[in-house]
Amino acid sequence: MDTGYKFKVIHDMVTAEDNRLSISMLCSIAGVSRSGYYQWVKAEDARNNREIKDRADFELILIAYNHRGYKKGARSIYMTMLHWNPPVVMNVKKIRRLMDKYNLKCPIRKANPYRRMAKALKTNSVADNILNREFEEHGARKVLLTDITYIPYNGQFCYLSTILDAFTKQILSYVLSDSLEVDFVLETVEMLIKEHGIELSKETLIHSDQGCHYTSISFTKLVKDKGLRQSMSRKANCWDNAPQESFFGHMKDEIDLSECKKYREVKAIIDDWMDYYNNERYQWQLAKLSPNEYYKYITTGIYPLGDV
């Protein structure tokens, strides 16, 4: 039992109207020293002041924790507060301590219960694993990762196709579909070219798993026509596309589709989270910036947080 808690129990008993036990006897029963108890009583004002300060700091943590409606861990809270105007700098250890003190839980990554389409019908058009897990060695717009994930809601599914820049962690394009027809994967590539084609080069690599969408004739032809190189993970090896898998995991941890009854409701939530992710979901490894901020930083050299 915590010593401070014992002192509090002794103090409560001593100040009770019907108490007949002496402080010495109560300290002996609790296994604490009488001098320690008196020091604890003397420090009451300091404890009260510390509690007031902790509560005020925790209120700031709560605001950051709930920013945009998505729950966050200690480091995400730290980075969110850095982006306030004026910025608030609070030690990550302190944030964790106060979250623990006031029982504020950060989101826990859950295992993806949905099997990938490993047994789906394929063509023989399987590309080599050119990427070889070199996700960040080549800079922005050089390695693009793409994949599909299942989005369960109201007893049914819709499907999300994304393209992620492995260096900046930006989602460059995404398409949500209520069908697994190959068209929505092709649309994701078309959107990529429309929005970011000028930023790509002949060295740009688009990497996927060996799912039927990516081995299809229509996908391989589209990638070739757009001047991109194609790479694929080894069979049944999720680590070959780990950043994309991690992205889907974080997204599913943070969005709440429990109230969604219709596809359009799911799409509204996905659209909002994608905007939040690219612009306000700060990442420690991206110099404490959001993906879009980080891309701007590395292309302009201007760090948006100044000397913080």
C-alpha atoms as a PDB file:
ATOM      1  CA  MET A   1       0.000   0.000   0.000  1.00  0.00           C
ATOM      2  CA  ASP A   2       1.266   3.505  -0.850  1.00  0.00           C
ATOM      3  CA  THR A   3       2.758   5.361   2.152  1.00  0.00           C
ATOM      4  CA  GLY A   4       0.895   8.547   1.260  1.00  0.00           C
ATOM      5  CA  TYR A   5      -2.364   6.618   1.307  1.00  0.00           C
ATOM      6  CA  LYS A   6      -1.536   5.280   4.789  1.00  0.00           C
ATOM      7  CA  PHE A   7      -0.855   8.807   6.022  1.00  0.00           C
ATOM      8  CA  LYS A   8      -4.200   9.935   4.626  1.00  0.00           C
ATOM      9  CA  VAL A   9      -6.031   7.104   6.405  1.00  0.00           C
ATOM     10  CA  ILE A  10      -4.315   8.017   9.675  1.00  0.00           C
ATOM     11  CA  HIS A  11      -5.207  11.669   9.190  1.00  0.00           C
ATOM     12  CA  ASP A  12      -8.859  10.827   8.475  1.00  0.00           C
ATOM     13  CA  MET A  13      -9.040   8.696  11.624  1.00  0.00           C
ATOM     14  CA  VAL A  14      -7.316  11.273  13.816  1.00  0.00           C
ATOM     15  CA  THR A  15      -9.711  14.010  12.724  1.00  0.00           C
ATOM     16  CA  ALA A  16     -12.806  11.805  13.138  1.00  0.00           C
ATOM     17  CA  GLU A  17     -15.016  12.769  16.104  1.00  0.00           C
ATOM     18  CA  ASP A  18     -15.194   9.211  17.500  1.00  0.00           C
ATOM     19  CA  ASN A  19     -11.476   8.405  17.262  1.00  0.00           C
ATOM     20  CA  ARG A  20      -9.856   7.169  20.462  1.00  0.00           C
ATOM     21  CA  LEU A  21      -6.491   6.058  19.105  1.00  0.00           C
ATOM     22  CA  SER A  22      -3.354   8.153  19.355  1.00  0.00           C
ATOM     23  CA  ILE A  23      -1.228   9.143  16.375  1.00  0.00           C
ATOM     24  CA  SER A  24       1.597   6.981  17.709  1.00  0.00           C
ATOM     25  CA  MET A  25      -0.652   3.941  17.890  1.00  0.00           C
ATOM     26  CA  LEU A  26      -2.110   4.517  14.409  1.00  0.00           C
ATOM     27  CA  CYS A  27       1.363   4.959  12.899  1.00  0.00           C
ATOM     28  CA  SER A  28       2.503   1.748  14.574  1.00  0.00           C
ATOM     29  CA  ILE A  29      -0.498  -0.167  13.224  1.00  0.00           C
ATOM     30  CA  ALA A  30       0.098   1.212   9.714  1.00  0.00           C
ATOM     31  CA  GLY A  31       3.829   0.511   9.867  1.00  0.00           C
ATOM     32  CA  VAL A  32       4.912   4.118   9.260  1.00  0.00           C
ATOM     33  CA  SER A  33       6.949   6.560  11.319  1.00  0.00           C
ATOM     34  CA  ARG A  34       5.325   9.313  13.343  1.00  0.00           C
ATOM     35  CA  SER A  35       7.860  11.865  12.031  1.00  0.00           C
ATOM     36  CA  GLY A  36       6.970  10.864   8.488  1.00  0.00           C
ATOM     37  CA  TYR A  37       3.302  11.423   9.237  1.00  0.00           C
ATOM     38  CA  TYR A  38       3.953  14.912  10.630  1.00  0.00           C
ATOM     39  CA  GLN A  39       6.037  15.791   7.570  1.00  0.00           C
ATOM     40  CA  TRP A  40       3.159  14.608   5.386  1.00  0.00           C
ATOM     41  CA  VAL A  41       0.704  16.836   7.305  1.00  0.00           C
ATOM     42  CA  LYS A  42       3.071  19.802   7.035  1.00  0.00           C
ATOM     43  CA  ALA A  43       3.290  19.338   3.256  1.00  0.00           C
ATOM     44  CA  GLU A  44      -0.490  19.488   2.749  1.00  0.00           C
ATOM     45  CA  ASP A  45      -0.445  22.923   1.104  1.00  0.00           C
ATOM     46  CA  ALA A  46       2.257  21.827  -1.326  1.00  0.00           C
ATOM     47  CA  ARG A  47       0.248  18.703  -2.209  1.00  0.00           C
ATOM     48  CA  ASN A  48      -2.886  20.753  -2.793  1.00  0.00           C
ATOM     49  CA  ASN A  49      -0.997  23.170  -5.021  1.00  0.00           C
ATOM     50  CA  ARG A  50       0.516  20.265  -6.955  1.00  0.00           C
ATOM     51  CA  GLU A  51      -2.906  18.708  -7.384  1.00  0.00           C
ATOM     52  CA  ILE A  52      -4.302  21.991  -8.732  1.00  0.00           C
ATOM     53  CA  LYS A  53      -1.383  22.241 -11.190  1.00  0.00           C
ATOM     54  CA  ASP A  54      -1.766  18.589 -12.250  1.00  0.00           C
ATOM     55  CA  ARG A  55      -5.469  19.076 -12.839  1.00  0.00           C
ATOM     56  CA  ALA A  56      -4.882  22.194 -14.936  1.00  0.00           C
ATOM     57  CA  ASP A  57      -2.246  20.399 -17.031  1.00  0.00           C
ATOM     58  CA  PHE A  58      -4.533  17.398 -17.417  1.00  0.00           C
ATOM     59  CA  GLU A  59      -7.264  19.655 -18.804  1.00  0.00           C
ATOM     60  CA  LEU A  60      -4.825  20.662 -21.564  1.00  0.00           C
ATOM     61  CA  ILE A  61      -3.999  16.994 -22.165  1.00  0.00           C
ATOM     62  CA  LEU A  62      -7.712  16.225 -22.503  1.00  0.00           C
ATOM     63  CA  ILE A  63      -8.158  18.932 -25.127  1.00  0.00           C
ATOM     64  CA  ALA A  64      -5.262  17.512 -27.176  1.00  0.00           C
ATOM     65  CA  TYR A  65      -6.395  13.919 -26.585  1.00  0.00           C
ATOM     66  CA  ASN A  66      -9.825  14.655 -28.070  1.00  0.00           C
ATOM     67  CA  HIS A  67      -8.635  16.939 -30.889  1.00  0.00           C
ATOM     68  CA  ARG A  68     -10.657  16.283 -34.048  1.00  0.00           C
ATOM     69  CA  GLY A  69     -12.467  13.515 -32.169  1.00  0.00           C
ATOM     70  CA  TYR A  70      -9.618  10.983 -32.424  1.00  0.00           C
ATOM     71  CA  LYS A  71      -8.040   9.596 -29.255  1.00  0.00           C
ATOM     72  CA  LYS A  72      -4.265   9.772 -28.948  1.00  0.00           C
ATOM     73  CA  GLY A  73      -1.285   8.407 -27.051  1.00  0.00           C
ATOM     74  CA  ALA A  74       1.176  10.514 -25.060  1.00  0.00           C
ATOM     75  CA  ARG A  75       3.511  11.375 -27.938  1.00  0.00           C
ATOM     76  CA  SER A  76       0.626  12.362 -30.221  1.00  0.00           C
ATOM     77  CA  ILE A  77      -0.715  14.593 -27.445  1.00  0.00           C
ATOM     78  CA  TYR A  78       2.739  16.157 -27.053  1.00  0.00           C
ATOM     79  CA  MET A  79       2.959  16.920 -30.779  1.00  0.00           C
ATOM     80  CA  THR A  80      -0.609  18.237 -30.936  1.00  0.00           C
ATOM     81  CA  MET A  81       0.130  20.753 -28.182  1.00  0.00           C
ATOM     82  CA  LEU A  82       3.306  21.833 -29.987  1.00  0.00           C
ATOM     83  CA  HIS A  83       1.100  22.885 -32.908  1.00  0.00           C
ATOM     84  CA  TRP A  84      -1.107  25.148 -30.788  1.00  0.00           C
ATOM     85  CA  ASN A  85      -0.796  28.904 -31.055  1.00  0.00           C
ATOM     86  CA  PRO A  86       0.967  29.634 -28.788  1.00  0.00           C
ATOM     87  CA  PRO A  87       2.546  26.176 -28.482  1.00  0.00           C
ATOM     88  CA  VAL A  88       2.383  24.284 -25.190  1.00  0.00           C
ATOM     89  CA  VAL A  89       5.482  22.249 -24.312  1.00  0.00           C
ATOM     90  CA  MET A  90       4.834  19.460 -21.818  1.00  0.00           C
ATOM     91  CA  ASN A  91       7.244  16.617 -21.107  1.00  0.00           C
ATOM     92  CA  VAL A  92       6.063  13.277 -22.546  1.00  0.00           C
ATOM     93  CA  LYS A  93       6.824  11.557 -19.229  1.00  0.00           C
ATOM     94  CA  LYS A  94       4.591  14.072 -17.467  1.00  0.00           C
ATOM     95  CA  ILE A  95       1.812  13.488 -19.993  1.00  0.00           C
ATOM     96  CA  ARG A  96       2.045   9.742 -19.383  1.00  0.00           C
ATOM     97  CA  ARG A  97       2.064  10.269 -15.606  1.00  0.00           C
ATOM     98  CA  LEU A  98      -1.058  12.420 -15.698  1.00  0.00           C
ATOM     99  CA  MET A  99      -2.829  10.071 -18.099  1.00  0.00           C
ATOM    100  CA  ASP A 100      -2.108   7.246 -15.674  1.00  0.00           C
ATOM    101  CA  LYS A 101      -3.083   9.348 -12.650  1.00  0.00           C
ATOM    102  CA  TYR A 102      -6.463  10.289 -14.103  1.00  0.00           C
ATOM    103  CA  ASN A 103      -6.998   6.943 -15.865  1.00  0.00           C
ATOM    104  CA  LEU A 104      -6.944   8.299 -19.412  1.00  0.00           C
ATOM    105  CA  LYS A 105      -6.284   5.409 -21.778  1.00  0.00           C
ATOM    106  CA  CYS A 106      -4.511   5.671 -25.116  1.00  0.00           C
ATOM    107  CA  PRO A 107      -5.776   3.586 -28.066  1.00  0.00           C
ATOM    108  CA  ILE A 108      -4.388   0.058 -28.275  1.00  0.00           C
ATOM    109  CA  ARG A 109      -3.505  -1.460 -31.618  1.00  0.00           C
ATOM    110  CA  LYS A 110      -5.707  -4.442 -32.387  1.00  0.00           C
ATOM    111  CA  ALA A 111      -4.866  -7.367 -34.627  1.00  0.00           C
ATOM    112  CA  ASN A 112      -6.590  -7.236 -38.010  1.00  0.00           C
ATOM    113  CA  PRO A 113      -9.168 -10.066 -37.939  1.00  0.00           C
ATOM    114  CA  TYR A 114      -9.796  -9.990 -41.668  1.00  0.00           C
ATOM    115  CA  ARG A 115      -7.899 -12.332 -43.953  1.00  0.00           C
ATOM    116  CA  ARG A 116      -6.234 -10.897 -46.975  1.00  0.00           C
ATOM    117  CA  MET A 117      -7.236 -12.165 -50.401  1.00  0.00           C
ATOM    118  CA  ALA A 118      -4.368 -14.644 -50.558  1.00  0.00           C
ATOM    119  CA  LYS A 119      -6.416 -17.263 -52.379  1.00  0.00           C
ATOM    120  CA  ALA A 120      -8.061 -14.882 -54.806  1.00  0.00           C
ATOM    121  CA  LEU A 121      -7.859 -15.682 -58.499  1.00  0.00           C
ATOM    122  CA  LYS A 122      -4.677 -14.251 -60.007  1.00  0.00           C
ATOM    123  CA  THR A 123      -2.915 -13.892 -63.310  1.00  0.00           C
ATOM    124  CA  ASN A 124       0.741 -14.859 -63.676  1.00  0.00           C
ATOM    125  CA  SER A 125       1.763 -11.202 -63.765  1.00  0.00           C
ATOM    126  CA  VAL A 126       3.698 -11.103 -60.496  1.00  0.00           C
ATOM    127  CA  ALA A 127       6.357  -8.381 -60.324  1.00  0.00           C
ATOM    128  CA  ASP A 128       9.703  -8.789 -58.580  1.00  0.00           C
ATOM    129  CA  ASN A 129      10.214  -7.391 -55.097  1.00  0.00           C
ATOM    130  CA  ILE A 130      12.317  -4.463 -56.331  1.00  0.00           C
ATOM    131  CA  LEU A 131      11.610  -2.466 -53.167  1.00  0.00           C
ATOM    132  CA  ASN A 132      13.188  -5.028 -50.825  1.00  0.00           C
ATOM    133  CA  ARG A 133      11.894  -3.100 -47.774  1.00  0.00           C
ATOM    134  CA  GLU A 134      13.885   0.046 -48.631  1.00  0.00           C
ATOM    135  CA  PHE A 135      10.945   2.202 -47.602  1.00  0.00           C
ATOM    136  CA  GLU A 136      12.712   5.465 -46.702  1.00  0.00           C
ATOM    137  CA  GLU A 137      16.115   5.303 -48.382  1.00  0.00           C
ATOM    138  CA  HIS A 138      15.140   7.052 -51.628  1.00  0.00           C
ATOM    139  CA  GLY A 139      13.253  10.169 -50.508  1.00  0.00           C
ATOM    140  CA  ALA A 140       9.804  11.577 -51.205  1.00  0.00           C
ATOM    141  CA  ARG A 141       7.693  10.359 -54.143  1.00  0.00           C
ATOM    142  CA  LYS A 142      10.131   7.556 -54.916  1.00  0.00           C
ATOM    143  CA  VAL A 143       8.407   4.669 -53.098  1.00  0.00           C
ATOM    144  CA  LEU A 144       4.612   4.480 -53.126  1.00  0.00           C
ATOM    145  CA  LEU A 145       2.847   1.715 -51.209  1.00  0.00           C
ATOM    146  CA  THR A 146      -0.648   0.550 -52.091  1.00  0.00           C
ATOM    147  CA  ASP A 147      -3.068  -1.918 -50.564  1.00  0.00           C
ATOM    148  CA  ILE A 148      -6.724  -2.699 -49.875  1.00  0.00           C
ATOM    149  CA  THR A 149      -8.373  -3.169 -46.489  1.00  0.00           C
ATOM    150  CA  TYR A 150     -11.805  -4.322 -45.402  1.00  0.00           C
ATOM    151  CA  ILE A 151     -13.991  -1.838 -43.491  1.00  0.00           C
ATOM    152  CA  PRO A 152     -16.730  -3.606 -41.493  1.00  0.00           C
ATOM    153  CA  TYR A 153     -19.924  -1.730 -40.587  1.00  0.00           C
ATOM    154  CA  ASN A 154     -23.505  -2.678 -39.747  1.00  0.00           C
ATOM    155  CA  GLY A 155     -22.920  -6.349 -40.560  1.00  0.00           C
ATOM    156  CA  GLN A 156     -21.431  -5.712 -43.997  1.00  0.00           C
ATOM    157  CA  PHE A 157     -18.226  -4.486 -45.639  1.00  0.00           C
ATOM    158  CA  CYS A 158     -16.849  -1.746 -47.802  1.00  0.00           C
ATOM    159  CA  TYR A 159     -13.288  -1.620 -49.112  1.00  0.00           C
ATOM    160  CA  LEU A 160     -10.584   1.039 -48.970  1.00  0.00           C
ATOM    161  CA  SER A 161      -7.760   1.375 -51.493  1.00  0.00           C
ATOM    162  CA  THR A 162      -4.902   3.749 -50.633  1.00  0.00           C
ATOM    163  CA  ILE A 163      -1.547   4.909 -51.985  1.00  0.00           C
ATOM    164  CA  LEU A 164       0.953   6.000 -49.334  1.00  0.00           C
ATOM    165  CA  ASP A 165       4.296   7.770 -49.798  1.00  0.00           C
ATOM    166  CA  ALA A 166       6.679   5.576 -47.765  1.00  0.00           C
ATOM    167  CA  PHE A 167       9.000   8.515 -47.005  1.00  0.00           C
ATOM    168  CA  THR A 168       6.562  11.277 -46.030  1.00  0.00           C
ATOM    169  CA  LYS A 169       3.775   8.909 -44.862  1.00  0.00           C
ATOM    170  CA  GLN A 170       1.246  11.008 -46.829  1.00  0.00           C
ATOM    171  CA  ILE A 171      -1.831   9.358 -48.257  1.00  0.00           C
ATOM    172  CA  LEU A 172      -1.587  10.618 -51.826  1.00  0.00           C
ATOM    173  CA  SER A 173      -4.856   9.092 -52.997  1.00  0.00           C
ATOM    174  CA  TYR A 174      -7.587   6.838 -51.703  1.00  0.00           C
ATOM    175  CA  VAL A 175     -10.886   5.412 -52.886  1.00  0.00           C
ATOM    176  CA  LEU A 176     -13.618   3.814 -50.795  1.00  0.00           C
ATOM    177  CA  SER A 177     -15.829   1.296 -52.574  1.00  0.00           C
ATOM    178  CA  ASP A 178     -18.802  -0.887 -51.714  1.00  0.00           C
ATOM    179  CA  SER A 179     -17.523  -3.466 -54.207  1.00  0.00           C
ATOM    180  CA  LEU A 180     -14.258  -5.373 -54.707  1.00  0.00           C
ATOM    181  CA  GLU A 181     -14.343  -4.880 -58.468  1.00  0.00           C
ATOM    182  CA  VAL A 182     -10.901  -3.897 -59.767  1.00  0.00           C
ATOM    183  CA  ASP A 183     -12.130  -0.483 -60.928  1.00  0.00           C
ATOM    184  CA  PHE A 184     -11.695   1.240 -57.550  1.00  0.00           C
ATOM    185  CA  VAL A 185      -8.016   0.216 -57.429  1.00  0.00           C
ATOM    186  CA  LEU A 186      -7.486   1.628 -60.911  1.00  0.00           C
ATOM    187  CA  GLU A 187      -9.264   4.817 -59.823  1.00  0.00           C
ATOM    188  CA  THR A 188      -6.795   5.177 -56.941  1.00  0.00           C
ATOM    189  CA  VAL A 189      -3.909   5.246 -59.419  1.00  0.00           C
ATOM    190  CA  GLU A 190      -5.751   7.684 -61.712  1.00  0.00           C
ATOM    191  CA  MET A 191      -6.318  10.016 -58.745  1.00  0.00           C
ATOM    192  CA  LEU A 192      -2.637   9.757 -57.811  1.00  0.00           C
ATOM    193  CA  ILE A 193      -1.568  10.860 -61.287  1.00  0.00           C
ATOM    194  CA  LYS A 194      -4.133  13.663 -61.368  1.00  0.00           C
ATOM    195  CA  GLU A 195      -3.144  15.110 -57.975  1.00  0.00           C
ATOM    196  CA  HIS A 196       0.579  14.319 -57.822  1.00  0.00           C
ATOM    197  CA  GLY A 197       1.717  13.270 -61.298  1.00  0.00           C
ATOM    198  CA  ILE A 198       4.024  16.270 -61.650  1.00  0.00           C
ATOM    199  CA  GLU A 199       5.873  15.197 -58.481  1.00  0.00           C
ATOM    200  CA  LEU A 200       6.582  11.667 -59.738  1.00  0.00           C
ATOM    201  CA  SER A 201       9.483  10.479 -61.877  1.00  0.00           C
ATOM    202  CA  LYS A 202      10.524   7.486 -63.956  1.00  0.00           C
ATOM    203  CA  GLU A 203      12.193   6.147 -60.814  1.00  0.00           C
ATOM    204  CA  THR A 204       8.946   6.134 -58.833  1.00  0.00           C
ATOM    205  CA  LEU A 205       8.038   2.670 -57.621  1.00  0.00           C
ATOM    206  CA  ILE A 206       4.527   1.499 -56.761  1.00  0.00           C
ATOM    207  CA  HIS A 207       4.637  -1.491 -54.433  1.00  0.00           C
ATOM    208  CA  SER A 208       1.803  -3.857 -53.510  1.00  0.00           C
ATOM    209  CA  ASP A 209       1.122  -7.407 -52.420  1.00  0.00           C
ATOM    210  CA  GLN A 210       0.301 -10.167 -54.922  1.00  0.00           C
ATOM    211  CA  GLY A 211      -3.460  -9.731 -54.646  1.00  0.00           C
ATOM    212  CA  CYS A 212      -5.575 -10.278 -57.735  1.00  0.00           C
ATOM    213  CA  HIS A 213      -6.180  -6.545 -58.221  1.00  0.00           C
ATOM    214  CA  TYR A 214      -2.454  -5.837 -58.567  1.00  0.00           C
ATOM    215  CA  THR A 215      -1.668  -8.822 -60.796  1.00  0.00           C
ATOM    216  CA  SER A 216      -4.574  -8.044 -63.105  1.00  0.00           C
ATOM    217  CA  ILE A 217      -3.829  -7.070 -66.690  1.00  0.00           C
ATOM    218  CA  SER A 218      -5.688  -3.773 -66.304  1.00  0.00           C
ATOM    219  CA  PHE A 219      -3.617  -2.700 -63.268  1.00  0.00           C
ATOM    220  CA  THR A 220      -0.217  -3.684 -64.654  1.00  0.00           C
ATOM    221  CA  LYS A 221      -1.021  -1.946 -67.959  1.00  0.00           C
ATOM    222  CA  LEU A 222      -2.176   1.224 -66.189  1.00  0.00           C
ATOM    223  CA  VAL A 223       0.969   1.401 -64.060  1.00  0.00           C
ATOM    224  CA  LYS A 224       3.151   0.921 -67.124  1.00  0.00           C
ATOM    225  CA  ASP A 225       1.202   3.508 -69.141  1.00  0.00           C
ATOM    226  CA  LYS A 226       1.670   6.052 -66.349  1.00  0.00           C
ATOM    227  CA  GLY A 227       5.436   5.538 -66.392  1.00  0.00           C
ATOM    228  CA  LEU A 228       5.687   3.925 -62.954  1.00  0.00           C
ATOM    229  CA  ARG A 229       7.730   0.893 -61.953  1.00  0.00           C
ATOM    230  CA  GLN A 230       5.896  -1.987 -60.307  1.00  0.00           C
ATOM    231  CA  SER A 231       7.102  -4.026 -57.340  1.00  0.00           C
ATOM    232  CA  MET A 232       5.375  -6.713 -55.274  1.00  0.00           C
ATOM    233  CA  SER A 233       5.847  -8.249 -51.848  1.00  0.00           C
ATOM    234  CA  ARG A 234       6.879 -11.841 -51.590  1.00  0.00           C
ATOM    235  CA  LYS A 235       3.984 -14.236 -51.197  1.00  0.00           C
ATOM    236  CA  ALA A 236       2.309 -14.102 -47.768  1.00  0.00           C
ATOM    237  CA  ASN A 237       4.928 -11.665 -46.384  1.00  0.00           C
ATOM    238  CA  CYS A 238       3.220  -8.660 -44.802  1.00  0.00           C
ATOM    239  CA  TRP A 239       6.557  -7.163 -43.670  1.00  0.00           C
ATOM    240  CA  ASP A 240       7.370  -6.340 -47.294  1.00  0.00           C
ATOM    241  CA  ASN A 241       4.604  -3.711 -47.124  1.00  0.00           C
ATOM    242  CA  ALA A 242       4.797  -2.952 -43.388  1.00  0.00           C
ATOM    243  CA  PRO A 243       4.200   0.849 -43.385  1.00  0.00           C
ATOM    244  CA  GLN A 244       0.975   0.412 -45.344  1.00  0.00           C
ATOM    245  CA  GLU A 245      -0.210  -2.354 -43.005  1.00  0.00           C
ATOM    246  CA  SER A 246       0.646  -0.141 -40.015  1.00  0.00           C
ATOM    247  CA  PHE A 247      -1.337   2.747 -41.505  1.00  0.00           C
ATOM    248  CA  PHE A 248      -4.475   0.623 -41.793  1.00  0.00           C
ATOM    249  CA  GLY A 249      -4.004  -0.619 -38.236  1.00  0.00           C
ATOM    250  CA  HIS A 250      -3.803   2.896 -36.796  1.00  0.00           C
ATOM    251  CA  MET A 251      -6.776   4.045 -38.839  1.00  0.00           C
ATOM    252  CA  LYS A 252      -8.976   1.199 -37.599  1.00  0.00           C
ATOM    253  CA  ASP A 253      -7.914   1.888 -34.009  1.00  0.00           C
ATOM    254  CA  GLU A 254      -9.008   5.514 -34.239  1.00  0.00           C
ATOM    255  CA  ILE A 255     -12.192   5.609 -36.292  1.00  0.00           C
ATOM    256  CA  ASP A 256     -15.538   4.589 -34.807  1.00  0.00           C
ATOM    257  CA  LEU A 257     -18.067   3.112 -37.218  1.00  0.00           C
ATOM    258  CA  SER A 258     -20.339   1.563 -34.581  1.00  0.00           C
ATOM    259  CA  GLU A 259     -23.162   4.014 -35.333  1.00  0.00           C
ATOM    260  CA  CYS A 260     -22.889   3.767 -39.123  1.00  0.00           C
ATOM    261  CA  LYS A 261     -25.852   2.201 -40.875  1.00  0.00           C
ATOM    262  CA  LYS A 262     -25.187   3.335 -44.428  1.00  0.00           C
ATOM    263  CA  TYR A 263     -22.213   3.429 -46.776  1.00  0.00           C
ATOM    264  CA  ARG A 264     -22.330   7.219 -47.088  1.00  0.00           C
ATOM    265  CA  GLU A 265     -21.943   7.545 -43.315  1.00  0.00           C
ATOM    266  CA  VAL A 266     -18.805   5.402 -43.423  1.00  0.00           C
ATOM    267  CA  LYS A 267     -17.443   7.476 -46.318  1.00  0.00           C
ATOM    268  CA  ALA A 268     -17.962  10.715 -44.388  1.00  0.00           C
ATOM    269  CA  ILE A 269     -15.958   9.362 -41.455  1.00  0.00           C
ATOM    270  CA  ILE A 270     -13.181   8.015 -43.696  1.00  0.00           C
ATOM    271  CA  ASP A 271     -12.966  11.350 -45.553  1.00  0.00           C
ATOM    272  CA  ASP A 272     -12.703  13.269 -42.279  1.00  0.00           C
ATOM    273  CA  TRP A 273     -10.047  10.932 -40.861  1.00  0.00           C
ATOM    274  CA  MET A 274      -7.954  11.102 -44.034  1.00  0.00           C
ATOM    275  CA  ASP A 275      -7.970  14.901 -43.832  1.00  0.00           C
ATOM    276  CA  TYR A 276      -7.037  14.700 -40.152  1.00  0.00           C
ATOM    277  CA  TYR A 277      -4.286  12.147 -40.835  1.00  0.00           C
ATOM    278  CA  ASN A 278      -2.563  14.116 -43.597  1.00  0.00           C
ATOM    279  CA  ASN A 279      -2.863  17.520 -41.943  1.00  0.00           C
ATOM    280  CA  GLU A 280      -3.096  17.125 -38.163  1.00  0.00           C
ATOM    281  CA  ARG A 281      -2.036  13.633 -37.115  1.00  0.00           C
ATOM    282  CA  TYR A 282       1.520  14.433 -36.055  1.00  0.00           C
ATOM    283  CA  GLN A 283       4.175  11.708 -36.173  1.00  0.00           C
ATOM    284  CA  TRP A 284       7.268  11.549 -34.009  1.00  0.00           C
ATOM    285  CA  GLN A 285       9.492  10.213 -36.788  1.00  0.00           C
ATOM    286  CA  LEU A 286       8.386  13.036 -39.107  1.00  0.00           C
ATOM    287  CA  ALA A 287      10.086  15.705 -36.959  1.00  0.00           C
ATOM    288  CA  LYS A 288       6.859  15.941 -34.908  1.00  0.00           C
ATOM    289  CA  LEU A 289       4.925  17.158 -37.969  1.00  0.00           C
ATOM    290  CA  SER A 290       1.933  15.857 -39.890  1.00  0.00           C
ATOM    291  CA  PRO A 291       2.647  14.116 -43.223  1.00  0.00           C
ATOM    292  CA  ASN A 292       1.657  17.168 -45.299  1.00  0.00           C
ATOM    293  CA  GLU A 293       3.670  19.490 -43.041  1.00  0.00           C
ATOM    294  CA  TYR A 294       6.666  17.196 -43.319  1.00  0.00           C
ATOM    295  CA  TYR A 295       6.542  17.149 -47.118  1.00  0.00           C
ATOM    296  CA  LYS A 296       6.396  20.936 -47.175  1.00  0.00           C
ATOM    297  CA  TYR A 297       9.277  21.102 -44.699  1.00  0.00           C
ATOM    298  CA  ILE A 298      11.594  18.856 -46.731  1.00  0.00           C
ATOM    299  CA  THR A 299      10.767  20.668 -49.976  1.00  0.00           C
ATOM    300  CA  THR A 300      11.064  24.233 -48.623  1.00  0.00           C
ATOM    301  CA  GLY A 301      13.495  23.834 -45.734  1.00  0.00           C
ATOM    302  CA  ILE A 302      11.192  25.849 -43.471  1.00  0.00           C
ATOM    303  CA  TYR A 303      10.372  24.119 -40.156  1.00  0.00           C
ATOM    304  CA  PRO A 304       6.866  25.228 -39.063  1.00  0.00           C
ATOM    305  CA  LEU A 305       7.471  24.839 -35.330  1.00  0.00           C
ATOM    306  CA  GLY A 306      10.418  27.209 -35.264  1.00  0.00           C
ATOM    307  CA  ASP A 307      12.807  26.543 -32.387  1.00  0.00           C
ATOM    308  CA  VAL A 308      10.348  24.452 -30.359  1.00  0.00           C
END
